[in-house]
PDB file of N, CA and C in Angstrom:
ATOM      1  N   MET A   1       0.853  -1.175   0.000  1.00  0.00           N
ATOM      2  CA  MET A   1       0.000   0.000   0.000  1.00  0.00           C
ATOM      3  C   MET A   1       0.897   1.236   0.000  1.00  0.00           C
ATOM      4  N   SER A   2       0.660   2.105  -0.939  1.00  0.00           N
ATOM      5  CA  SER A   2       1.491   3.302  -1.074  1.00  0.00           C
ATOM      6  C   SER A   2       1.232   4.288   0.067  1.00  0.00           C
ATOM      7  N   LYS A   3       2.195   5.121   0.314  1.00  0.00           N
ATOM      8  CA  LYS A   3       2.073   6.164   1.341  1.00  0.00           C
ATOM      9  C   LYS A   3       0.921   7.106   1.003  1.00  0.00           C
ATOM     10  N   GLN A   4       0.756   7.420  -0.280  1.00  0.00           N
ATOM     11  CA  GLN A   4      -0.318   8.312  -0.695  1.00  0.00           C
ATOM     12  C   GLN A   4      -1.692   7.689  -0.429  1.00  0.00           C
ATOM     13  N   TYR A   5      -1.806   6.392  -0.687  1.00  0.00           N
ATOM     14  CA  TYR A   5      -3.067   5.691  -0.421  1.00  0.00           C
ATOM     15  C   TYR A   5      -3.330   5.633   1.083  1.00  0.00           C
ATOM     16  N   GLN A   6      -2.301   5.418   1.880  1.00  0.00           N
ATOM     17  CA  GLN A   6      -2.442   5.430   3.340  1.00  0.00           C
ATOM     18  C   GLN A   6      -2.927   6.805   3.808  1.00  0.00           C
ATOM     19  N   ASN A   7      -2.375   7.847   3.224  1.00  0.00           N
ATOM     20  CA  ASN A   7      -2.815   9.205   3.567  1.00  0.00           C
ATOM     21  C   ASN A   7      -4.274   9.410   3.210  1.00  0.00           C
ATOM     22  N   LEU A   8      -4.696   8.944   2.039  1.00  0.00           N
ATOM     23  CA  LEU A   8      -6.099   9.057   1.616  1.00  0.00           C
ATOM     24  C   LEU A   8      -7.006   8.393   2.646  1.00  0.00           C
ATOM     25  N   LEU A   9      -6.673   7.166   3.038  1.00  0.00           N
ATOM     26  CA  LEU A   9      -7.491   6.428   4.000  1.00  0.00           C
ATOM     27  C   LEU A   9      -7.523   7.105   5.367  1.00  0.00           C
ATOM     28  N   ALA A  10      -6.433   7.782   5.710  1.00  0.00           N
ATOM     29  CA  ALA A  10      -6.341   8.456   7.005  1.00  0.00           C
ATOM     30  C   ALA A  10      -6.976   9.848   6.985  1.00  0.00           C
ATOM     31  N   GLY A  11      -7.456  10.279   5.814  1.00  0.00           N
ATOM     32  CA  GLY A  11      -8.058  11.597   5.708  1.00  0.00           C
ATOM     33  C   GLY A  11      -7.037  12.724   5.668  1.00  0.00           C
ATOM     34  N   LYS A  12      -5.810  12.380   5.317  1.00  0.00           N
ATOM     35  CA  LYS A  12      -4.742  13.374   5.225  1.00  0.00           C
ATOM     36  C   LYS A  12      -4.573  13.825   3.780  1.00  0.00           C
ATOM     37  N   LEU A  13      -3.782  14.878   3.594  1.00  0.00           N
ATOM     38  CA  LEU A  13      -3.469  15.321   2.238  1.00  0.00           C
ATOM     39  C   LEU A  13      -2.673  14.232   1.521  1.00  0.00           C
ATOM     40  N   TYR A  14      -2.941  14.086   0.245  1.00  0.00           N
ATOM     41  CA  TYR A  14      -2.234  13.077  -0.544  1.00  0.00           C
ATOM     42  C   TYR A  14      -2.075  13.579  -1.966  1.00  0.00           C
ATOM     43  N   LYS A  15      -1.122  12.999  -2.658  1.00  0.00           N
ATOM     44  CA  LYS A  15      -0.945  13.245  -4.086  1.00  0.00           C
ATOM     45  C   LYS A  15      -1.500  12.033  -4.813  1.00  0.00           C
ATOM     46  N   THR A  16      -2.239  12.277  -5.853  1.00  0.00           N
ATOM     47  CA  THR A  16      -2.847  11.173  -6.599  1.00  0.00           C
ATOM     48  C   THR A  16      -1.761  10.344  -7.287  1.00  0.00           C
ATOM     49  N   ASP A  17      -1.745   9.050  -6.945  1.00  0.00           N
ATOM     50  CA  ASP A  17      -0.832   8.128  -7.623  1.00  0.00           C
ATOM     51  C   ASP A  17      -1.640   7.274  -8.594  1.00  0.00           C
ATOM     52  N   GLU A  18      -1.007   6.289  -9.201  1.00  0.00           N
ATOM     53  CA  GLU A  18      -1.681   5.459 -10.202  1.00  0.00           C
ATOM     54  C   GLU A  18      -2.904   4.740  -9.639  1.00  0.00           C
ATOM     55  N   LYS A  19      -2.772   4.157  -8.444  1.00  0.00           N
ATOM     56  CA  LYS A  19      -3.875   3.421  -7.835  1.00  0.00           C
ATOM     57  C   LYS A  19      -5.044   4.347  -7.522  1.00  0.00           C
ATOM     58  N   ILE A  20      -4.746   5.487  -6.949  1.00  0.00           N
ATOM     59  CA  ILE A  20      -5.804   6.436  -6.603  1.00  0.00           C
ATOM     60  C   ILE A  20      -6.478   6.966  -7.866  1.00  0.00           C
ATOM     61  N   GLN A  21      -5.705   7.255  -8.894  1.00  0.00           N
ATOM     62  CA  GLN A  21      -6.274   7.727 -10.153  1.00  0.00           C
ATOM     63  C   GLN A  21      -7.200   6.681 -10.761  1.00  0.00           C
ATOM     64  N   SER A  22      -6.799   5.436 -10.695  1.00  0.00           N
ATOM     65  CA  SER A  22      -7.622   4.346 -11.214  1.00  0.00           C
ATOM     66  C   SER A  22      -8.939   4.245 -10.454  1.00  0.00           C
ATOM     67  N   MET A  23      -8.883   4.387  -9.136  1.00  0.00           N
ATOM     68  CA  MET A  23     -10.099   4.362  -8.319  1.00  0.00           C
ATOM     69  C   MET A  23     -11.028   5.510  -8.678  1.00  0.00           C
ATOM     70  N   LYS A  24     -10.447   6.691  -8.868  1.00  0.00           N
ATOM     71  CA  LYS A  24     -11.249   7.859  -9.228  1.00  0.00           C
ATOM     72  C   LYS A  24     -11.931   7.661 -10.577  1.00  0.00           C
ATOM     73  N   GLU A  25     -11.190   7.152 -11.543  1.00  0.00           N
ATOM     74  CA  GLU A  25     -11.756   6.934 -12.876  1.00  0.00           C
ATOM     75  C   GLU A  25     -12.895   5.923 -12.824  1.00  0.00           C
ATOM     76  N   LYS A  26     -12.706   4.844 -12.075  1.00  0.00           N
ATOM     77  CA  LYS A  26     -13.763   3.831 -11.942  1.00  0.00           C
ATOM     78  C   LYS A  26     -14.992   4.432 -11.258  1.00  0.00           C
ATOM     79  N   GLY A  27     -14.775   5.176 -10.175  1.00  0.00           N
ATOM     80  CA  GLY A  27     -15.888   5.782  -9.447  1.00  0.00           C
ATOM     81  C   GLY A  27     -16.681   6.757 -10.292  1.00  0.00           C
ATOM     82  N   ARG A  28     -15.987   7.586 -11.023  1.00  0.00           N
ATOM     83  CA  ARG A  28     -16.670   8.566 -11.874  1.00  0.00           C
ATOM     84  C   ARG A  28     -17.381   7.901 -13.050  1.00  0.00           C
ATOM     85  N   TYR A  29     -16.774   6.852 -13.595  1.00  0.00           N
ATOM     86  CA  TYR A  29     -17.397   6.110 -14.694  1.00  0.00           C
ATOM     87  C   TYR A  29     -18.693   5.444 -14.232  1.00  0.00           C
ATOM     88  N   LEU A  30     -18.630   4.728 -13.105  1.00  0.00           N
ATOM     89  CA  LEU A  30     -19.832   4.048 -12.596  1.00  0.00           C
ATOM     90  C   LEU A  30     -20.900   5.055 -12.181  1.00  0.00           C
ATOM     91  N   SER A  31     -20.490   6.183 -11.610  1.00  0.00           N
ATOM     92  CA  SER A  31     -21.452   7.234 -11.246  1.00  0.00           C
ATOM     93  C   SER A  31     -22.157   7.763 -12.484  1.00  0.00           C
ATOM     94  N   ARG A  32     -21.397   7.982 -13.543  1.00  0.00           N
ATOM     95  CA  ARG A  32     -21.990   8.481 -14.793  1.00  0.00           C
ATOM     96  C   ARG A  32     -22.992   7.483 -15.349  1.00  0.00           C
ATOM     97  N   LEU A  33     -22.612   6.195 -15.377  1.00  0.00           N
ATOM     98  CA  LEU A  33     -23.541   5.164 -15.862  1.00  0.00           C
ATOM     99  C   LEU A  33     -24.811   5.134 -15.014  1.00  0.00           C
ATOM    100  N   PHE A  34     -24.634   5.224 -13.700  1.00  0.00           N
ATOM    101  CA  PHE A  34     -25.785   5.224 -12.787  1.00  0.00           C
ATOM    102  C   PHE A  34     -26.696   6.412 -13.072  1.00  0.00           C
ATOM    103  N   ASN A  35     -26.111   7.585 -13.242  1.00  0.00           N
ATOM    104  CA  ASN A  35     -26.900   8.799 -13.453  1.00  0.00           C
ATOM    105  C   ASN A  35     -27.624   8.808 -14.794  1.00  0.00           C
ATOM    106  N   GLU A  36     -27.195   7.982 -15.720  1.00  0.00           N
ATOM    107  CA  GLU A  36     -27.850   7.898 -17.028  1.00  0.00           C
ATOM    108  C   GLU A  36     -29.032   6.932 -17.038  1.00  0.00           C
ATOM    109  N   THR A  37     -29.268   6.209 -15.948  1.00  0.00           N
ATOM    110  CA  THR A  37     -30.372   5.246 -15.899  1.00  0.00           C
ATOM    111  C   THR A  37     -31.701   5.957 -15.693  1.00  0.00           C
ATOM    112  N   THR A  38     -32.771   5.228 -15.970  1.00  0.00           N
ATOM    113  CA  THR A  38     -34.129   5.744 -15.775  1.00  0.00           C
ATOM    114  C   THR A  38     -34.793   5.004 -14.618  1.00  0.00           C
ATOM    115  N   GLU A  39     -35.932   5.506 -14.195  1.00  0.00           N
ATOM    116  CA  GLU A  39     -36.693   4.878 -13.107  1.00  0.00           C
ATOM    117  C   GLU A  39     -37.012   3.410 -13.402  1.00  0.00           C
ATOM    118  N   LYS A  40     -37.191   3.084 -14.675  1.00  0.00           N
ATOM    119  CA  LYS A  40     -37.538   1.712 -15.063  1.00  0.00           C
ATOM    120  C   LYS A  40     -36.351   0.756 -14.962  1.00  0.00           C
ATOM    121  N   GLU A  41     -35.144   1.286 -14.784  1.00  0.00           N
ATOM    122  CA  GLU A  41     -33.931   0.464 -14.744  1.00  0.00           C
ATOM    123  C   GLU A  41     -33.418   0.256 -13.315  1.00  0.00           C
ATOM    124  N   ASN A  42     -34.326  -0.004 -12.395  1.00  0.00           N
ATOM    125  CA  ASN A  42     -33.958  -0.134 -10.986  1.00  0.00           C
ATOM    126  C   ASN A  42     -32.972  -1.282 -10.750  1.00  0.00           C
ATOM    127  N   THR A  43     -33.133  -2.395 -11.437  1.00  0.00           N
ATOM    128  CA  THR A  43     -32.203  -3.528 -11.285  1.00  0.00           C
ATOM    129  C   THR A  43     -30.807  -3.120 -11.724  1.00  0.00           C
ATOM    130  N   LYS A  44     -30.702  -2.397 -12.820  1.00  0.00           N
ATOM    131  CA  LYS A  44     -29.404  -1.915 -13.302  1.00  0.00           C
ATOM    132  C   LYS A  44     -28.793  -0.942 -12.297  1.00  0.00           C
ATOM    133  N   ARG A  45     -29.617  -0.071 -11.728  1.00  0.00           N
ATOM    134  CA  ARG A  45     -29.133   0.879 -10.721  1.00  0.00           C
ATOM    135  C   ARG A  45     -28.533   0.141  -9.522  1.00  0.00           C
ATOM    136  N   LYS A  46     -29.246  -0.880  -9.065  1.00  0.00           N
ATOM    137  CA  LYS A  46     -28.773  -1.649  -7.909  1.00  0.00           C
ATOM    138  C   LYS A  46     -27.425  -2.300  -8.205  1.00  0.00           C
ATOM    139  N   LYS A  47     -27.277  -2.865  -9.395  1.00  0.00           N
ATOM    140  CA  LYS A  47     -26.011  -3.503  -9.771  1.00  0.00           C
ATOM    141  C   LYS A  47     -24.873  -2.498  -9.830  1.00  0.00           C
ATOM    142  N   LEU A  48     -25.137  -1.322 -10.370  1.00  0.00           N
ATOM    143  CA  LEU A  48     -24.104  -0.293 -10.462  1.00  0.00           C
ATOM    144  C   LEU A  48     -23.673   0.193  -9.078  1.00  0.00           C
ATOM    145  N   ILE A  49     -24.636   0.363  -8.179  1.00  0.00           N
ATOM    146  CA  ILE A  49     -24.294   0.792  -6.824  1.00  0.00           C
ATOM    147  C   ILE A  49     -23.481  -0.289  -6.116  1.00  0.00           C
ATOM    148  N   LYS A  50     -23.831  -1.553  -6.329  1.00  0.00           N
ATOM    149  CA  LYS A  50     -23.056  -2.662  -5.739  1.00  0.00           C
ATOM    150  C   LYS A  50     -21.612  -2.631  -6.235  1.00  0.00           C
ATOM    151  N   GLN A  51     -21.406  -2.286  -7.504  1.00  0.00           N
ATOM    152  CA  GLN A  51     -20.050  -2.197  -8.062  1.00  0.00           C
ATOM    153  C   GLN A  51     -19.317  -0.968  -7.544  1.00  0.00           C
ATOM    154  N   LEU A  52     -20.046   0.096  -7.305  1.00  0.00           N
ATOM    155  CA  LEU A  52     -19.456   1.371  -6.909  1.00  0.00           C
ATOM    156  C   LEU A  52     -19.106   1.420  -5.425  1.00  0.00           C
ATOM    157  N   PHE A  53     -20.034   1.020  -4.561  1.00  0.00           N
ATOM    158  CA  PHE A  53     -19.834   1.109  -3.119  1.00  0.00           C
ATOM    159  C   PHE A  53     -18.955  -0.033  -2.619  1.00  0.00           C
ATOM    160  N   GLY A  54     -18.328   0.191  -1.465  1.00  0.00           N
ATOM    161  CA  GLY A  54     -17.559  -0.861  -0.813  1.00  0.00           C
ATOM    162  C   GLY A  54     -18.460  -1.981  -0.334  1.00  0.00           C
ATOM    163  N   SER A  55     -19.631  -1.634   0.199  1.00  0.00           N
ATOM    164  CA  SER A  55     -20.641  -2.635   0.576  1.00  0.00           C
ATOM    165  C   SER A  55     -21.982  -1.943   0.800  1.00  0.00           C
ATOM    166  N   THR A  56     -23.042  -2.722   0.686  1.00  0.00           N
ATOM    167  CA  THR A  56     -24.394  -2.233   0.956  1.00  0.00           C
ATOM    168  C   THR A  56     -25.112  -3.245   1.832  1.00  0.00           C
ATOM    169  N   GLY A  57     -26.090  -2.754   2.568  1.00  0.00           N
ATOM    170  CA  GLY A  57     -26.950  -3.642   3.322  1.00  0.00           C
ATOM    171  C   GLY A  57     -28.142  -4.038   2.461  1.00  0.00           C
ATOM    172  N   GLU A  58     -29.174  -4.508   3.111  1.00  0.00           N
ATOM    173  CA  GLU A  58     -30.418  -4.843   2.417  1.00  0.00           C
ATOM    174  C   GLU A  58     -31.278  -3.582   2.297  1.00  0.00           C
ATOM    175  N   ASN A  59     -32.104  -3.537   1.276  1.00  0.00           N
ATOM    176  CA  ASN A  59     -33.070  -2.445   1.094  1.00  0.00           C
ATOM    177  C   ASN A  59     -32.395  -1.072   1.035  1.00  0.00           C
ATOM    178  N   TYR A  60     -31.614  -0.848   0.014  1.00  0.00           N
ATOM    179  CA  TYR A  60     -30.975   0.454  -0.159  1.00  0.00           C
ATOM    180  C   TYR A  60     -31.511   1.123  -1.418  1.00  0.00           C
ATOM    181  N   THR A  61     -31.595   2.438  -1.361  1.00  0.00           N
ATOM    182  CA  THR A  61     -32.043   3.234  -2.498  1.00  0.00           C
ATOM    183  C   THR A  61     -31.121   4.431  -2.652  1.00  0.00           C
ATOM    184  N   VAL A  62     -30.679   4.654  -3.869  1.00  0.00           N
ATOM    185  CA  VAL A  62     -29.894   5.838  -4.205  1.00  0.00           C
ATOM    186  C   VAL A  62     -30.575   6.478  -5.405  1.00  0.00           C
ATOM    187  N   LYS A  63     -30.949   7.727  -5.257  1.00  0.00           N
ATOM    188  CA  LYS A  63     -31.629   8.447  -6.334  1.00  0.00           C
ATOM    189  C   LYS A  63     -30.628   9.274  -7.135  1.00  0.00           C
ATOM    190  N   PRO A  64     -30.666   9.158  -8.463  1.00  0.00           N
ATOM    191  CA  PRO A  64     -29.781   9.989  -9.278  1.00  0.00           C
ATOM    192  C   PRO A  64     -30.306  11.419  -9.375  1.00  0.00           C
ATOM    193  N   PRO A  65     -29.449  12.373  -9.619  1.00  0.00           N
ATOM    194  CA  PRO A  65     -28.025  12.185  -9.813  1.00  0.00           C
ATOM    195  C   PRO A  65     -27.300  11.991  -8.483  1.00  0.00           C
ATOM    196  N   PHE A  66     -26.286  11.141  -8.539  1.00  0.00           N
ATOM    197  CA  PHE A  66     -25.426  10.829  -7.397  1.00  0.00           C
ATOM    198  C   PHE A  66     -23.990  11.048  -7.845  1.00  0.00           C
ATOM    199  N   TYR A  67     -23.196  11.683  -7.012  1.00  0.00           N
ATOM    200  CA  TYR A  67     -21.816  11.989  -7.384  1.00  0.00           C
ATOM    201  C   TYR A  67     -20.855  11.522  -6.289  1.00  0.00           C
ATOM    202  N   CYS A  68     -19.754  10.925  -6.717  1.00  0.00           N
ATOM    203  CA  CYS A  68     -18.694  10.573  -5.776  1.00  0.00           C
ATOM    204  C   CYS A  68     -17.371  10.532  -6.518  1.00  0.00           C
ATOM    205  N   SER A  69     -16.306  10.609  -5.757  1.00  0.00           N
ATOM    206  CA  SER A  69     -14.979  10.612  -6.364  1.00  0.00           C
ATOM    207  C   SER A  69     -14.437   9.201  -6.525  1.00  0.00           C
ATOM    208  N   HIS A  70     -14.460   8.435  -5.449  1.00  0.00           N
ATOM    209  CA  HIS A  70     -13.870   7.100  -5.490  1.00  0.00           C
ATOM    210  C   HIS A  70     -14.940   6.002  -5.447  1.00  0.00           C
ATOM    211  N   GLY A  71     -15.848   6.106  -4.473  1.00  0.00           N
ATOM    212  CA  GLY A  71     -16.939   5.141  -4.367  1.00  0.00           C
ATOM    213  C   GLY A  71     -16.621   3.921  -3.555  1.00  0.00           C
ATOM    214  N   SER A  72     -15.466   3.340  -3.758  1.00  0.00           N
ATOM    215  CA  SER A  72     -15.162   2.054  -3.132  1.00  0.00           C
ATOM    216  C   SER A  72     -15.031   2.126  -1.615  1.00  0.00           C
ATOM    217  N   HIS A  73     -14.981   3.319  -1.052  1.00  0.00           N
ATOM    218  CA  HIS A  73     -14.883   3.472   0.399  1.00  0.00           C
ATOM    219  C   HIS A  73     -16.215   3.875   1.023  1.00  0.00           C
ATOM    220  N   ILE A  74     -17.303   3.690   0.292  1.00  0.00           N
ATOM    221  CA  ILE A  74     -18.637   3.999   0.807  1.00  0.00           C
ATOM    222  C   ILE A  74     -19.267   2.695   1.283  1.00  0.00           C
ATOM    223  N   TYR A  75     -19.623   2.662   2.561  1.00  0.00           N
ATOM    224  CA  TYR A  75     -20.247   1.487   3.161  1.00  0.00           C
ATOM    225  C   TYR A  75     -21.565   1.924   3.777  1.00  0.00           C
ATOM    226  N   VAL A  76     -22.662   1.295   3.342  1.00  0.00           N
ATOM    227  CA  VAL A  76     -23.974   1.652   3.885  1.00  0.00           C
ATOM    228  C   VAL A  76     -24.647   0.395   4.413  1.00  0.00           C
ATOM    229  N   GLY A  77     -25.522   0.594   5.379  1.00  0.00           N
ATOM    230  CA  GLY A  77     -26.205  -0.526   6.011  1.00  0.00           C
ATOM    231  C   GLY A  77     -27.601  -0.748   5.461  1.00  0.00           C
ATOM    232  N   ASP A  78     -28.386  -1.479   6.224  1.00  0.00           N
ATOM    233  CA  ASP A  78     -29.763  -1.801   5.849  1.00  0.00           C
ATOM    234  C   ASP A  78     -30.630  -0.543   5.842  1.00  0.00           C
ATOM    235  N   ASN A  79     -31.617  -0.543   4.947  1.00  0.00           N
ATOM    236  CA  ASN A  79     -32.617   0.519   4.860  1.00  0.00           C
ATOM    237  C   ASN A  79     -31.989   1.900   4.637  1.00  0.00           C
ATOM    238  N   PHE A  80     -31.006   1.945   3.782  1.00  0.00           N
ATOM    239  CA  PHE A  80     -30.314   3.191   3.451  1.00  0.00           C
ATOM    240  C   PHE A  80     -31.061   3.905   2.333  1.00  0.00           C
ATOM    241  N   PHE A  81     -31.242   5.212   2.484  1.00  0.00           N
ATOM    242  CA  PHE A  81     -31.873   6.020   1.447  1.00  0.00           C
ATOM    243  C   PHE A  81     -31.008   7.246   1.185  1.00  0.00           C
ATOM    244  N   CYS A  82     -30.702   7.471  -0.068  1.00  0.00           N
ATOM    245  CA  CYS A  82     -29.903   8.618  -0.494  1.00  0.00           C
ATOM    246  C   CYS A  82     -30.716   9.393  -1.538  1.00  0.00           C
ATOM    247  N   ASN A  83     -31.093  10.610  -1.219  1.00  0.00           N
ATOM    248  CA  ASN A  83     -31.933  11.388  -2.108  1.00  0.00           C
ATOM    249  C   ASN A  83     -31.104  11.966  -3.248  1.00  0.00           C
ATOM    250  N   PHE A  84     -31.765  12.532  -4.244  1.00  0.00           N
ATOM    251  CA  PHE A  84     -31.100  13.051  -5.432  1.00  0.00           C
ATOM    252  C   PHE A  84     -30.154  14.204  -5.102  1.00  0.00           C
ATOM    253  N   ASN A  85     -29.172  14.400  -5.996  1.00  0.00           N
ATOM    254  CA  ASN A  85     -28.156  15.443  -5.873  1.00  0.00           C
ATOM    255  C   ASN A  85     -27.226  15.264  -4.686  1.00  0.00           C
ATOM    256  N   CYS A  86     -26.998  14.035  -4.298  1.00  0.00           N
ATOM    257  CA  CYS A  86     -26.111  13.740  -3.176  1.00  0.00           C
ATOM    258  C   CYS A  86     -24.673  13.649  -3.690  1.00  0.00           C
ATOM    259  N   ILE A  87     -23.754  14.187  -2.891  1.00  0.00           N
ATOM    260  CA  ILE A  87     -22.327  14.138  -3.237  1.00  0.00           C
ATOM    261  C   ILE A  87     -21.581  13.503  -2.065  1.00  0.00           C
ATOM    262  N   PHE A  88     -20.836  12.433  -2.361  1.00  0.00           N
ATOM    263  CA  PHE A  88     -20.006  11.776  -1.336  1.00  0.00           C
ATOM    264  C   PHE A  88     -18.569  12.008  -1.705  1.00  0.00           C
TER     265      PHE A  88
END
């Protein structure tokens, strides 16, 4: 684990390295795909959030548009609701 990644996890200042850049690109890509879905594509939305978040509980809802930088460090529990225009 790089020093920069350790700093990111610790909430300290960090310089973006290759691993962090890759995480950011994945997070922004999955967020964009999620935000392009429609109400009728709820199954697709759930799959995208599962790929984006570190973990989810049962019965979670995220309303687009949703924005995040990395995504993989987001952990939510059961009965989670995230309203539209949320930024993590």
